[in-house]
């Protein structure tokens, strides 16, 4: 079994093209690897940082007068308006 992975180029132009192609593929591979690493770091940071968006205080029930209704809610710092 006599097979090669990449045949030898038959002309100098082909050799130059193959070298350029290899260089472009290396750049694409490094760029993709860096992008994936940055994405994983960002996901890890969001998962493991201490101040999340989950409610950590006690649950409170507001007593409203008879006939009152809530039409909108909003937050201002630690308060619910």
PDB file of N, CA and C in Angstrom:
ATOM      1  N   UNK A   1       0.853  -1.163   0.000  1.00  0.00           N
ATOM      2  CA  UNK A   1       0.000   0.000   0.000  1.00  0.00           C
ATOM      3  C   UNK A   1       0.898   1.224   0.000  1.00  0.00           C
ATOM      4  N   UNK A   2       0.917   1.929  -1.074  1.00  0.00           N
ATOM      5  CA  UNK A   2       1.797   3.070  -1.239  1.00  0.00           C
ATOM      6  C   UNK A   2       0.936   4.324  -1.465  1.00  0.00           C
ATOM      7  N   UNK A   3       0.481   4.942  -0.381  1.00  0.00           N
ATOM      8  CA  UNK A   3      -0.337   6.152  -0.514  1.00  0.00           C
ATOM      9  C   UNK A   3       0.281   7.266   0.332  1.00  0.00           C
ATOM     10  N   UNK A   4       0.126   8.460  -0.145  1.00  0.00           N
ATOM     11  CA  UNK A   4       0.631   9.622   0.584  1.00  0.00           C
ATOM     12  C   UNK A   4      -0.538  10.504   0.972  1.00  0.00           C
ATOM     13  N   UNK A   5      -0.353  11.282   2.040  1.00  0.00           N
ATOM     14  CA  UNK A   5      -1.423  12.171   2.491  1.00  0.00           C
ATOM     15  C   UNK A   5      -1.562  13.379   1.578  1.00  0.00           C
ATOM     16  N   UNK A   6      -0.460  13.988   1.207  1.00  0.00           N
ATOM     17  CA  UNK A   6      -0.501  15.152   0.327  1.00  0.00           C
ATOM     18  C   UNK A   6       0.506  14.944  -0.794  1.00  0.00           C
ATOM     19  N   UNK A   7       0.035  14.906  -2.027  1.00  0.00           N
ATOM     20  CA  UNK A   7       0.970  14.709  -3.136  1.00  0.00           C
ATOM     21  C   UNK A   7       1.876  15.924  -3.298  1.00  0.00           C
ATOM     22  N   UNK A   8       3.050  15.688  -3.798  1.00  0.00           N
ATOM     23  CA  UNK A   8       4.010  16.769  -4.027  1.00  0.00           C
ATOM     24  C   UNK A   8       3.509  17.668  -5.159  1.00  0.00           C
ATOM     25  N   UNK A   9       3.594  18.986  -4.979  1.00  0.00           N
ATOM     26  CA  UNK A   9       3.150  19.879  -6.047  1.00  0.00           C
ATOM     27  C   UNK A   9       4.062  19.765  -7.263  1.00  0.00           C
ATOM     28  N   UNK A  10       3.468  19.904  -8.435  1.00  0.00           N
ATOM     29  CA  UNK A  10       4.244  19.725  -9.667  1.00  0.00           C
ATOM     30  C   UNK A  10       4.866  21.027 -10.161  1.00  0.00           C
ATOM     31  N   UNK A  11       4.443  22.167  -9.627  1.00  0.00           N
ATOM     32  CA  UNK A  11       5.027  23.425 -10.084  1.00  0.00           C
ATOM     33  C   UNK A  11       5.259  24.352  -8.885  1.00  0.00           C
ATOM     34  N   UNK A  12       6.131  25.352  -9.040  1.00  0.00           N
ATOM     35  CA  UNK A  12       6.378  26.292  -7.943  1.00  0.00           C
ATOM     36  C   UNK A  12       5.135  27.097  -7.555  1.00  0.00           C
ATOM     37  N   UNK A  13       4.264  27.363  -8.524  1.00  0.00           N
ATOM     38  CA  UNK A  13       3.037  28.092  -8.211  1.00  0.00           C
ATOM     39  C   UNK A  13       2.130  27.274  -7.304  1.00  0.00           C
ATOM     40  N   UNK A  14       2.059  25.973  -7.584  1.00  0.00           N
ATOM     41  CA  UNK A  14       1.258  25.097  -6.737  1.00  0.00           C
ATOM     42  C   UNK A  14       1.859  24.988  -5.343  1.00  0.00           C
ATOM     43  N   UNK A  15       3.168  24.928  -5.242  1.00  0.00           N
ATOM     44  CA  UNK A  15       3.825  24.870  -3.931  1.00  0.00           C
ATOM     45  C   UNK A  15       3.544  26.139  -3.135  1.00  0.00           C
ATOM     46  N   UNK A  16       3.585  27.279  -3.797  1.00  0.00           N
ATOM     47  CA  UNK A  16       3.300  28.544  -3.123  1.00  0.00           C
ATOM     48  C   UNK A  16       1.834  28.598  -2.682  1.00  0.00           C
ATOM     49  N   UNK A  17       0.930  28.114  -3.515  1.00  0.00           N
ATOM     50  CA  UNK A  17      -0.486  28.086  -3.176  1.00  0.00           C
ATOM     51  C   UNK A  17      -0.748  27.165  -1.986  1.00  0.00           C
ATOM     52  N   UNK A  18      -0.098  26.010  -1.977  1.00  0.00           N
ATOM     53  CA  UNK A  18      -0.277  25.075  -0.858  1.00  0.00           C
ATOM     54  C   UNK A  18       0.260  25.668   0.448  1.00  0.00           C
ATOM     55  N   UNK A  19       1.388  26.356   0.389  1.00  0.00           N
ATOM     56  CA  UNK A  19       1.938  26.989   1.593  1.00  0.00           C
ATOM     57  C   UNK A  19       1.001  28.075   2.100  1.00  0.00           C
ATOM     58  N   UNK A  20       0.439  28.843   1.174  1.00  0.00           N
ATOM     59  CA  UNK A  20      -0.508  29.898   1.563  1.00  0.00           C
ATOM     60  C   UNK A  20      -1.772  29.280   2.174  1.00  0.00           C
ATOM     61  N   UNK A  21      -2.244  28.203   1.592  1.00  0.00           N
ATOM     62  CA  UNK A  21      -3.429  27.520   2.109  1.00  0.00           C
ATOM     63  C   UNK A  21      -3.178  26.977   3.515  1.00  0.00           C
ATOM     64  N   UNK A  22      -2.011  26.378   3.730  1.00  0.00           N
ATOM     65  CA  UNK A  22      -1.677  25.873   5.068  1.00  0.00           C
ATOM     66  C   UNK A  22      -1.636  26.999   6.094  1.00  0.00           C
ATOM     67  N   UNK A  23      -1.047  28.133   5.703  1.00  0.00           N
ATOM     68  CA  UNK A  23      -0.960  29.282   6.613  1.00  0.00           C
ATOM     69  C   UNK A  23      -2.366  29.811   6.943  1.00  0.00           C
ATOM     70  N   UNK A  24      -3.232  29.903   5.955  1.00  0.00           N
ATOM     71  CA  UNK A  24      -4.595  30.380   6.198  1.00  0.00           C
ATOM     72  C   UNK A  24      -5.375  29.413   7.082  1.00  0.00           C
ATOM     73  N   UNK A  25      -5.164  28.114   6.903  1.00  0.00           N
ATOM     74  CA  UNK A  25      -5.834  27.123   7.740  1.00  0.00           C
ATOM     75  C   UNK A  25      -5.342  27.188   9.180  1.00  0.00           C
ATOM     76  N   UNK A  26      -4.057  27.446   9.372  1.00  0.00           N
ATOM     77  CA  UNK A  26      -3.521  27.600  10.729  1.00  0.00           C
ATOM     78  C   UNK A  26      -4.131  28.822  11.410  1.00  0.00           C
ATOM     79  N   UNK A  27      -4.252  29.928  10.684  1.00  0.00           N
ATOM     80  CA  UNK A  27      -4.850  31.132  11.238  1.00  0.00           C
ATOM     81  C   UNK A  27      -6.318  30.874  11.612  1.00  0.00           C
ATOM     82  N   UNK A  28      -7.042  30.192  10.744  1.00  0.00           N
ATOM     83  CA  UNK A  28      -8.445  29.881  11.021  1.00  0.00           C
ATOM     84  C   UNK A  28      -8.576  28.967  12.231  1.00  0.00           C
ATOM     85  N   UNK A  29      -7.696  27.991  12.353  1.00  0.00           N
ATOM     86  CA  UNK A  29      -7.742  27.080  13.497  1.00  0.00           C
ATOM     87  C   UNK A  29      -7.442  27.779  14.812  1.00  0.00           C
ATOM     88  N   UNK A  30      -6.429  28.642  14.802  1.00  0.00           N
ATOM     89  CA  UNK A  30      -6.087  29.375  16.021  1.00  0.00           C
ATOM     90  C   UNK A  30      -7.216  30.330  16.401  1.00  0.00           C
ATOM     91  N   UNK A  31      -7.793  31.018  15.427  1.00  0.00           N
ATOM     92  CA  UNK A  31      -8.893  31.942  15.694  1.00  0.00           C
ATOM     93  C   UNK A  31     -10.101  31.204  16.277  1.00  0.00           C
ATOM     94  N   UNK A  32     -10.424  30.066  15.714  1.00  0.00           N
ATOM     95  CA  UNK A  32     -11.539  29.281  16.225  1.00  0.00           C
ATOM     96  C   UNK A  32     -11.262  28.788  17.637  1.00  0.00           C
ATOM     97  N   UNK A  33     -10.057  28.341  17.905  1.00  0.00           N
ATOM     98  CA  UNK A  33      -9.701  27.865  19.249  1.00  0.00           C
ATOM     99  C   UNK A  33      -9.790  28.987  20.280  1.00  0.00           C
ATOM    100  N   UNK A  34      -9.308  30.168  19.918  1.00  0.00           N
ATOM    101  CA  UNK A  34      -9.387  31.309  20.840  1.00  0.00           C
ATOM    102  C   UNK A  34     -10.840  31.687  21.085  1.00  0.00           C
ATOM    103  N   UNK A  35     -11.669  31.685  20.051  1.00  0.00           N
ATOM    104  CA  UNK A  35     -13.082  32.034  20.207  1.00  0.00           C
ATOM    105  C   UNK A  35     -13.798  31.047  21.118  1.00  0.00           C
ATOM    106  N   UNK A  36     -13.526  29.765  20.966  1.00  0.00           N
ATOM    107  CA  UNK A  36     -14.152  28.756  21.823  1.00  0.00           C
ATOM    108  C   UNK A  36     -13.677  28.914  23.258  1.00  0.00           C
ATOM    109  N   UNK A  37     -12.391  29.192  23.454  1.00  0.00           N
ATOM    110  CA  UNK A  37     -11.867  29.399  24.811  1.00  0.00           C
ATOM    111  C   UNK A  37     -12.510  30.605  25.474  1.00  0.00           C
ATOM    112  N   UNK A  38     -12.660  31.703  24.735  1.00  0.00           N
ATOM    113  CA  UNK A  38     -13.303  32.901  25.294  1.00  0.00           C
ATOM    114  C   UNK A  38     -14.752  32.605  25.653  1.00  0.00           C
ATOM    115  N   UNK A  39     -15.446  31.874  24.814  1.00  0.00           N
ATOM    116  CA  UNK A  39     -16.833  31.513  25.089  1.00  0.00           C
ATOM    117  C   UNK A  39     -16.944  30.668  26.353  1.00  0.00           C
ATOM    118  N   UNK A  40     -16.075  29.684  26.498  1.00  0.00           N
ATOM    119  CA  UNK A  40     -16.110  28.835  27.698  1.00  0.00           C
ATOM    120  C   UNK A  40     -15.771  29.623  28.955  1.00  0.00           C
ATOM    121  N   UNK A  41     -14.826  30.539  28.865  1.00  0.00           N
ATOM    122  CA  UNK A  41     -14.489  31.376  30.024  1.00  0.00           C
ATOM    123  C   UNK A  41     -15.672  32.264  30.389  1.00  0.00           C
ATOM    124  N   UNK A  42     -16.346  32.843  29.411  1.00  0.00           N
ATOM    125  CA  UNK A  42     -17.502  33.695  29.685  1.00  0.00           C
ATOM    126  C   UNK A  42     -18.632  32.902  30.328  1.00  0.00           C
ATOM    127  N   UNK A  43     -18.886  31.704  29.842  1.00  0.00           N
ATOM    128  CA  UNK A  43     -19.934  30.868  30.433  1.00  0.00           C
ATOM    129  C   UNK A  43     -19.549  30.476  31.854  1.00  0.00           C
ATOM    130  N   UNK A  44     -18.306  30.085  32.064  1.00  0.00           N
ATOM    131  CA  UNK A  44     -17.850  29.733  33.407  1.00  0.00           C
ATOM    132  C   UNK A  44     -17.929  30.904  34.361  1.00  0.00           C
ATOM    133  N   UNK A  45     -17.584  32.082  33.898  1.00  0.00           N
ATOM    134  CA  UNK A  45     -17.663  33.268  34.749  1.00  0.00           C
ATOM    135  C   UNK A  45     -19.104  33.547  35.151  1.00  0.00           C
ATOM    136  N   UNK A  46     -20.019  33.446  34.191  1.00  0.00           N
ATOM    137  CA  UNK A  46     -21.424  33.709  34.502  1.00  0.00           C
ATOM    138  C   UNK A  46     -22.001  32.659  35.453  1.00  0.00           C
ATOM    139  N   UNK A  47     -21.540  31.418  35.333  1.00  0.00           N
ATOM    140  CA  UNK A  47     -22.068  30.363  36.197  1.00  0.00           C
ATOM    141  C   UNK A  47     -21.528  30.431  37.620  1.00  0.00           C
ATOM    142  N   UNK A  48     -20.260  30.795  37.771  1.00  0.00           N
ATOM    143  CA  UNK A  48     -19.621  30.656  39.070  1.00  0.00           C
ATOM    144  C   UNK A  48     -19.395  31.961  39.820  1.00  0.00           C
ATOM    145  N   UNK A  49     -19.810  33.095  39.273  1.00  0.00           N
ATOM    146  CA  UNK A  49     -19.634  34.319  40.052  1.00  0.00           C
ATOM    147  C   UNK A  49     -20.690  34.370  41.151  1.00  0.00           C
ATOM    148  N   UNK A  50     -20.383  35.093  42.216  1.00  0.00           N
ATOM    149  CA  UNK A  50     -21.218  35.065  43.411  1.00  0.00           C
ATOM    150  C   UNK A  50     -22.526  35.806  43.307  1.00  0.00           C
ATOM    151  N   UNK A  51     -22.577  36.940  42.634  1.00  0.00           N
ATOM    152  CA  UNK A  51     -23.807  37.734  42.617  1.00  0.00           C
ATOM    153  C   UNK A  51     -24.643  37.395  41.396  1.00  0.00           C
ATOM    154  N   UNK A  52     -25.554  36.469  41.566  1.00  0.00           N
ATOM    155  CA  UNK A  52     -26.435  36.062  40.483  1.00  0.00           C
ATOM    156  C   UNK A  52     -27.712  36.879  40.499  1.00  0.00           C
ATOM    157  N   UNK A  53     -28.604  36.561  39.612  1.00  0.00           N
ATOM    158  CA  UNK A  53     -29.857  37.293  39.536  1.00  0.00           C
ATOM    159  C   UNK A  53     -30.973  36.577  40.286  1.00  0.00           C
ATOM    160  N   UNK A  54     -30.633  35.581  41.078  1.00  0.00           N
ATOM    161  CA  UNK A  54     -31.648  34.875  41.823  1.00  0.00           C
ATOM    162  C   UNK A  54     -32.003  35.641  43.086  1.00  0.00           C
ATOM    163  N   UNK A  55     -33.225  35.531  43.510  1.00  0.00           N
ATOM    164  CA  UNK A  55     -33.676  36.218  44.721  1.00  0.00           C
ATOM    165  C   UNK A  55     -33.123  35.486  45.934  1.00  0.00           C
ATOM    166  N   UNK A  56     -32.469  36.226  46.802  1.00  0.00           N
ATOM    167  CA  UNK A  56     -31.877  35.585  47.967  1.00  0.00           C
ATOM    168  C   UNK A  56     -32.559  36.007  49.272  1.00  0.00           C
ATOM    169  N   UNK A  57     -33.512  36.896  49.196  1.00  0.00           N
ATOM    170  CA  UNK A  57     -34.192  37.379  50.391  1.00  0.00           C
ATOM    171  C   UNK A  57     -35.413  36.535  50.705  1.00  0.00           C
ATOM    172  N   UNK A  58     -36.074  36.861  51.821  1.00  0.00           N
ATOM    173  CA  UNK A  58     -37.272  36.101  52.185  1.00  0.00           C
ATOM    174  C   UNK A  58     -38.441  36.460  51.266  1.00  0.00           C
ATOM    175  N   UNK A  59     -39.353  35.527  51.109  1.00  0.00           N
ATOM    176  CA  UNK A  59     -40.554  35.795  50.325  1.00  0.00           C
ATOM    177  C   UNK A  59     -41.515  36.604  51.174  1.00  0.00           C
ATOM    178  N   UNK A  60     -42.038  37.672  50.607  1.00  0.00           N
ATOM    179  CA  UNK A  60     -42.965  38.539  51.312  1.00  0.00           C
ATOM    180  C   UNK A  60     -44.293  38.549  50.591  1.00  0.00           C
ATOM    181  N   UNK A  61     -45.358  38.676  51.358  1.00  0.00           N
ATOM    182  CA  UNK A  61     -46.689  38.781  50.795  1.00  0.00           C
ATOM    183  C   UNK A  61     -47.233  40.150  51.159  1.00  0.00           C
ATOM    184  N   UNK A  62     -47.643  40.898  50.154  1.00  0.00           N
ATOM    185  CA  UNK A  62     -48.191  42.230  50.402  1.00  0.00           C
ATOM    186  C   UNK A  62     -49.696  42.116  50.611  1.00  0.00           C
ATOM    187  N   UNK A  63     -50.179  42.773  51.634  1.00  0.00           N
ATOM    188  CA  UNK A  63     -51.618  42.801  51.910  1.00  0.00           C
ATOM    189  C   UNK A  63     -52.191  44.044  51.231  1.00  0.00           C
ATOM    190  N   UNK A  64     -53.087  43.843  50.292  1.00  0.00           N
ATOM    191  CA  UNK A  64     -53.701  44.941  49.558  1.00  0.00           C
ATOM    192  C   UNK A  64     -55.104  45.191  50.100  1.00  0.00           C
ATOM    193  N   UNK A  65     -55.542  46.450  50.040  1.00  0.00           N
ATOM    194  CA  UNK A  65     -56.912  46.728  50.471  1.00  0.00           C
ATOM    195  C   UNK A  65     -57.924  46.064  49.534  1.00  0.00           C
ATOM    196  N   UNK A  66     -59.148  45.895  50.019  1.00  0.00           N
ATOM    197  CA  UNK A  66     -60.191  45.240  49.237  1.00  0.00           C
ATOM    198  C   UNK A  66     -60.456  46.051  47.972  1.00  0.00           C
ATOM    199  N   UNK A  67     -60.476  45.387  46.832  1.00  0.00           N
ATOM    200  CA  UNK A  67     -60.742  46.029  45.557  1.00  0.00           C
ATOM    201  C   UNK A  67     -59.491  46.538  44.847  1.00  0.00           C
ATOM    202  N   UNK A  68     -58.336  46.493  45.498  1.00  0.00           N
ATOM    203  CA  UNK A  68     -57.108  46.969  44.867  1.00  0.00           C
ATOM    204  C   UNK A  68     -56.608  45.921  43.882  1.00  0.00           C
ATOM    205  N   UNK A  69     -55.893  46.384  42.854  1.00  0.00           N
ATOM    206  CA  UNK A  69     -55.311  45.453  41.896  1.00  0.00           C
ATOM    207  C   UNK A  69     -53.949  45.983  41.461  1.00  0.00           C
ATOM    208  N   UNK A  70     -53.082  45.080  41.093  1.00  0.00           N
ATOM    209  CA  UNK A  70     -51.738  45.431  40.636  1.00  0.00           C
ATOM    210  C   UNK A  70     -51.788  45.582  39.129  1.00  0.00           C
ATOM    211  N   UNK A  71     -51.390  46.769  38.629  1.00  0.00           N
ATOM    212  CA  UNK A  71     -51.415  46.993  37.180  1.00  0.00           C
ATOM    213  C   UNK A  71     -50.006  46.984  36.592  1.00  0.00           C
ATOM    214  N   UNK A  72     -48.967  47.234  37.421  1.00  0.00           N
ATOM    215  CA  UNK A  72     -47.600  47.217  36.921  1.00  0.00           C
ATOM    216  C   UNK A  72     -46.646  47.032  38.111  1.00  0.00           C
ATOM    217  N   UNK A  73     -45.481  46.492  37.839  1.00  0.00           N
ATOM    218  CA  UNK A  73     -44.443  46.354  38.861  1.00  0.00           C
ATOM    219  C   UNK A  73     -43.133  46.860  38.297  1.00  0.00           C
ATOM    220  N   UNK A  74     -42.245  47.215  39.185  1.00  0.00           N
ATOM    221  CA  UNK A  74     -40.932  47.667  38.782  1.00  0.00           C
ATOM    222  C   UNK A  74     -39.964  47.521  39.953  1.00  0.00           C
ATOM    223  N   UNK A  75     -38.668  47.546  39.660  1.00  0.00           N
ATOM    224  CA  UNK A  75     -37.679  47.441  40.718  1.00  0.00           C
ATOM    225  C   UNK A  75     -36.829  48.690  40.744  1.00  0.00           C
ATOM    226  N   UNK A  76     -36.416  49.048  41.949  1.00  0.00           N
ATOM    227  CA  UNK A  76     -35.529  50.191  42.152  1.00  0.00           C
ATOM    228  C   UNK A  76     -34.543  49.792  43.243  1.00  0.00           C
ATOM    229  N   UNK A  77     -33.385  49.313  42.823  1.00  0.00           N
ATOM    230  CA  UNK A  77     -32.393  48.858  43.801  1.00  0.00           C
ATOM    231  C   UNK A  77     -32.885  47.597  44.493  1.00  0.00           C
ATOM    232  N   UNK A  78     -33.074  47.687  45.817  1.00  0.00           N
ATOM    233  CA  UNK A  78     -33.551  46.547  46.597  1.00  0.00           C
ATOM    234  C   UNK A  78     -35.056  46.557  46.800  1.00  0.00           C
ATOM    235  N   UNK A  79     -35.743  47.496  46.199  1.00  0.00           N
ATOM    236  CA  UNK A  79     -37.173  47.651  46.436  1.00  0.00           C
ATOM    237  C   UNK A  79     -37.997  47.257  45.213  1.00  0.00           C
ATOM    238  N   UNK A  80     -39.209  46.810  45.500  1.00  0.00           N
ATOM    239  CA  UNK A  80     -40.169  46.486  44.462  1.00  0.00           C
ATOM    240  C   UNK A  80     -41.241  47.547  44.500  1.00  0.00           C
ATOM    241  N   UNK A  81     -41.490  48.186  43.386  1.00  0.00           N
ATOM    242  CA  UNK A  81     -42.486  49.264  43.346  1.00  0.00           C
ATOM    243  C   UNK A  81     -43.710  48.805  42.571  1.00  0.00           C
TER     244      UNK A  81
END
